[in-house]
Protein backbone atom coordinates (compact mmCIF):
# COMPACT_ATOMS: atom_id res chain seq x y z
CA MET A 1 -211.06 -0.45 -136.19
CA LYS A 2 -208.41 -3.01 -135.20
CA THR A 3 -207.66 -3.69 -138.60
CA ARG A 4 -206.79 -0.32 -139.32
CA LEU A 5 -204.70 -0.40 -136.27
CA LEU A 6 -202.90 -3.59 -137.43
CA PHE A 7 -201.77 -2.00 -141.09
CA ARG A 8 -200.57 1.28 -139.74
CA PRO A 9 -197.06 0.23 -138.80
CA LEU A 10 -196.92 -1.66 -142.10
CA LEU A 11 -197.91 1.50 -144.32
CA THR A 12 -195.37 3.81 -141.99
CA ALA A 13 -192.45 0.83 -142.77
CA LEU A 14 -193.19 1.01 -146.51
CA ALA A 15 -193.12 4.90 -146.66
CA THR A 16 -190.14 5.02 -144.76
CA ALA A 17 -188.56 2.56 -147.25
CA LEU A 18 -189.57 4.60 -150.27
CA LEU A 19 -188.63 7.72 -148.80
CA LEU A 20 -184.90 6.23 -148.14
CA ALA A 21 -184.96 4.55 -151.64
CA GLY A 22 -185.57 7.97 -153.34
CA CYS A 23 -182.63 9.58 -151.39
CA ALA A 24 -179.98 7.04 -152.67
CA THR A 25 -176.87 8.63 -154.24
CA GLY A 26 -175.52 8.01 -157.33
CA ARG A 27 -172.97 5.32 -157.75
CA VAL A 28 -169.06 6.33 -158.11
CA ASP A 29 -167.96 5.73 -161.70
CA TRP A 30 -164.89 3.64 -160.69
CA ASN A 31 -163.86 3.20 -164.30
CA SER A 32 -162.63 7.31 -164.20
CA ARG A 33 -160.83 6.63 -161.08
CA VAL A 34 -158.61 3.73 -162.11
CA GLY A 35 -154.62 4.86 -162.68
CA THR A 36 -155.23 8.11 -160.21
CA TYR A 37 -157.37 7.06 -157.31
CA THR A 38 -155.35 5.72 -154.27
CA LEU A 39 -155.93 3.62 -151.14
CA ASP A 40 -155.33 6.34 -149.00
CA GLN A 41 -157.99 8.15 -150.93
CA ALA A 42 -160.20 4.91 -150.52
CA VAL A 43 -160.01 4.69 -146.83
CA VAL A 44 -160.88 8.34 -146.47
CA GLU A 45 -163.96 8.32 -148.64
CA LEU A 46 -164.72 4.43 -147.56
CA GLY A 47 -163.29 3.96 -144.15
CA PRO A 48 -161.08 1.15 -143.43
CA PRO A 49 -161.91 -2.17 -145.69
CA GLU A 50 -163.96 -5.01 -144.29
CA LYS A 51 -161.24 -7.23 -145.50
CA GLN A 52 -157.47 -6.28 -147.00
CA ALA A 53 -154.83 -8.71 -148.50
CA LYS A 54 -151.43 -7.66 -149.65
CA LEU A 55 -149.73 -10.18 -152.25
CA SER A 56 -146.06 -10.52 -152.44
CA ASP A 57 -145.64 -8.11 -155.51
CA GLY A 58 -146.87 -5.56 -153.14
CA THR A 59 -150.51 -5.42 -154.79
CA VAL A 60 -152.96 -4.67 -152.09
CA VAL A 61 -156.73 -6.08 -152.85
CA ALA A 62 -159.27 -4.43 -150.27
CA GLU A 63 -163.25 -5.08 -149.97
CA TRP A 64 -165.60 -2.52 -148.81
CA MET A 65 -169.39 -2.96 -148.24
CA THR A 66 -171.51 -0.35 -149.88
CA SER A 67 -175.06 -1.28 -149.18
CA ARG A 68 -177.39 -3.72 -147.59
CA THR A 69 -180.70 -4.45 -149.39
CA GLN A 70 -183.49 -5.78 -147.33
CA GLY A 71 -186.36 -7.30 -149.69
CA MET A 72 -190.08 -6.65 -149.05
CA SER A 73 -191.27 -8.85 -146.32
CA ARG A 74 -194.44 -10.96 -146.87
CA VAL A 75 -197.25 -10.62 -144.41
CA TYR A 76 -200.03 -13.36 -144.42
CA VAL A 77 -203.36 -12.18 -142.15
CA GLY A 78 -205.97 -14.99 -141.27
CA GLY A 79 -208.51 -15.42 -139.06
CA HIS A 80 -212.35 -14.32 -139.22
CA ALA A 81 -213.82 -10.89 -138.45
CA GLY A 82 -216.16 -12.19 -135.12
CA TYR A 83 -213.21 -14.01 -133.31
CA GLY A 84 -210.94 -11.05 -132.18
CA ALA A 85 -207.74 -10.43 -133.40
CA ALA A 86 -206.85 -11.86 -136.90
CA PRO A 87 -203.35 -14.32 -136.49
CA THR A 88 -200.79 -12.85 -138.46
CA TYR A 89 -197.36 -14.32 -139.94
CA VAL A 90 -194.47 -12.36 -140.95
CA GLU A 91 -192.03 -14.07 -143.56
CA PRO A 92 -189.05 -12.25 -143.43
CA ALA A 93 -187.71 -10.89 -146.55
CA PRO A 94 -183.70 -12.04 -147.69
CA SER A 95 -180.91 -9.13 -147.16
CA TYR A 96 -178.13 -8.97 -149.70
CA GLU A 97 -174.84 -7.04 -148.80
CA ASN A 98 -173.35 -5.24 -151.86
CA TYR A 99 -169.48 -4.90 -152.06
CA VAL A 100 -166.95 -3.07 -154.06
CA ARG A 101 -163.14 -4.78 -154.65
CA LEU A 102 -160.66 -2.73 -155.47
CA THR A 103 -157.30 -3.54 -156.49
CA PHE A 104 -154.41 -0.93 -155.93
CA SER A 105 -150.64 -1.28 -157.69
CA ALA A 106 -147.60 -1.42 -155.21
CA ASP A 107 -147.49 2.46 -155.37
CA GLY A 108 -150.71 2.51 -154.09
CA ARG A 109 -152.67 3.21 -157.39
CA LEU A 110 -156.26 1.88 -158.47
CA THR A 111 -155.57 -0.58 -161.22
CA ALA A 112 -158.97 -2.55 -160.79
CA TRP A 113 -162.16 -2.72 -159.47
CA GLN A 114 -165.14 -5.07 -159.14
CA ARG A 115 -168.66 -5.12 -157.59
CA PHE A 116 -170.45 -8.15 -156.44
CA THR A 117 -173.36 -9.24 -154.14
CA LYS A 118 -173.23 -11.66 -151.34
């Protein structure tokens, strides 16, 4: 009975993660936006950038975090059936943040883009 209660939160978390993964939206086709997409449109769509720099020639380089990925944690269960609750150790999973860097010309049009992970 206690073992069943121990795994219920783990199963709930796994089911939630699978549900959210299935609801993920498609990726943006940045190549089709080069030359027409503006910095103002990016701010409306993505919100204010996390980082932004204006270069001497008027070019603007801005970065937005697009998603955060959390890996699967490892759960270690030990102990013996006759000695009460089994001790549990959870090894935290690494997380990764996905970014897009957009470069806009002096007139505010998208000239280049790049995806990267930190």
